[in-house]
Protein backbone atom coordinates (compact mmCIF):
# COMPACT_ATOMS: atom_id res chain seq x y z
CA GLN A 1 -86.18 -62.65 24.73
CA GLU A 2 -84.96 -61.79 28.36
CA SER A 3 -88.59 -60.87 29.41
CA ILE A 4 -89.84 -64.26 28.05
CA ASP A 5 -87.30 -65.98 29.65
CA TYR A 6 -88.28 -64.43 33.06
CA LEU A 7 -91.79 -65.44 32.56
CA LYS A 8 -90.69 -69.36 31.49
CA ALA A 9 -88.89 -69.21 35.02
CA ASP A 10 -92.19 -69.50 36.63
CA ASN A 11 -91.69 -66.33 38.94
CA VAL A 12 -95.37 -64.99 38.26
CA ASP A 13 -98.33 -66.53 36.89
CA TYR A 14 -98.53 -65.34 32.79
CA GLU A 15 -99.88 -66.15 29.44
CA PHE A 16 -98.86 -65.57 25.91
CA ARG A 17 -101.12 -64.43 23.28
CA THR A 18 -101.37 -63.03 20.03
CA THR A 19 -104.09 -61.81 17.43
CA LEU A 20 -103.97 -63.41 14.49
CA VAL A 21 -104.13 -61.45 11.54
CA SER A 22 -104.23 -62.74 8.23
CA GLU A 23 -101.92 -59.85 6.61
CA LEU A 24 -99.62 -60.19 9.47
CA HIS A 25 -98.94 -63.75 10.09
CA SER A 26 -97.54 -66.15 8.21
CA LEU A 27 -96.80 -69.56 9.04
CA ASP A 28 -93.08 -68.74 9.38
CA ASP A 29 -94.02 -65.86 11.51
CA ILE A 30 -95.81 -68.82 13.77
CA LYS A 31 -93.01 -71.11 13.81
CA LYS A 32 -90.95 -68.14 14.71
CA MET A 33 -92.96 -67.38 17.76
CA GLY A 34 -93.06 -70.83 18.81
CA GLU A 35 -89.62 -70.80 19.26
CA LEU A 36 -89.70 -67.98 21.03
CA VAL A 37 -91.85 -69.25 23.34
CA LYS A 38 -91.07 -73.04 23.46
CA GLY A 39 -91.47 -74.61 26.67
CA ALA A 40 -94.12 -71.62 27.92
CA LYS A 41 -97.33 -72.70 29.97
CA LYS A 42 -99.97 -71.07 28.14
CA LEU A 43 -100.47 -69.48 24.72
CA TYR A 44 -103.49 -67.94 23.04
CA LEU A 45 -104.39 -67.14 19.31
CA GLN A 46 -106.59 -64.81 19.36
CA LYS A 47 -109.17 -63.66 16.43
CA PHE A 48 -108.72 -60.39 15.15
CA VAL A 49 -112.03 -58.09 15.04
CA ASP A 50 -111.54 -55.19 12.79
CA ARG A 51 -112.49 -52.13 15.15
CA ASP A 52 -112.02 -48.28 14.57
CA GLY A 53 -108.95 -47.33 15.97
CA CYS A 54 -107.12 -50.69 14.48
CA ILE A 55 -103.47 -50.00 13.34
CA LYS A 56 -104.45 -50.15 10.00
CA LYS A 57 -107.77 -50.66 7.76
CA GLY A 58 -108.25 -53.44 5.55
CA LEU A 59 -107.42 -56.21 7.68
CA HIS A 60 -108.68 -59.65 7.92
CA GLU A 61 -108.63 -62.50 10.53
CA VAL A 62 -107.39 -65.75 9.93
CA ASP A 63 -110.00 -67.98 9.68
CA GLU A 64 -110.85 -70.91 12.34
CA VAL A 65 -110.02 -73.77 10.14
CA GLU A 66 -106.16 -72.29 9.64
CA ALA A 67 -105.80 -71.03 13.38
CA ASN A 68 -106.66 -74.60 14.66
CA LYS A 69 -103.42 -75.50 12.33
CA LEU A 70 -101.60 -73.03 13.57
CA ARG A 71 -102.61 -74.12 17.44
CA ASP A 72 -101.63 -77.67 16.38
CA TYR A 73 -98.29 -77.20 15.04
CA LEU A 74 -97.77 -74.59 18.25
CA ALA A 75 -98.95 -77.41 20.38
CA LYS A 76 -95.70 -79.41 19.52
CA GLY A 77 -93.84 -77.43 22.02
CA ILE A 78 -96.40 -75.61 24.10
CA SER A 79 -98.16 -77.82 26.56
CA ASN A 80 -101.62 -75.33 26.57
CA VAL A 81 -102.43 -73.74 23.41
CA TYR A 82 -105.72 -72.22 22.89
CA LEU A 83 -107.84 -70.18 20.53
CA ARG A 84 -109.49 -67.39 22.10
CA GLY A 85 -112.44 -65.48 20.45
CA TYR A 86 -113.04 -68.41 17.71
């Protein structure tokens, strides 16, 4: 939380980002994340790509329709929310 607050104080240029993974991110998780970074300048929701070296086999991307819903929800408290890789 201290690092988030420092960045939001606008001492340095920053962006927050998270890679959306279907098995790891529920709407409740996204809501909690939104509260943590509320008021941030930028947040990117990135498309997961299954590659060699991923932390676990069998993970899946969040589809674009759902990613847009999550973006719209987060945009209520964050002025610039973008999708990356969709």
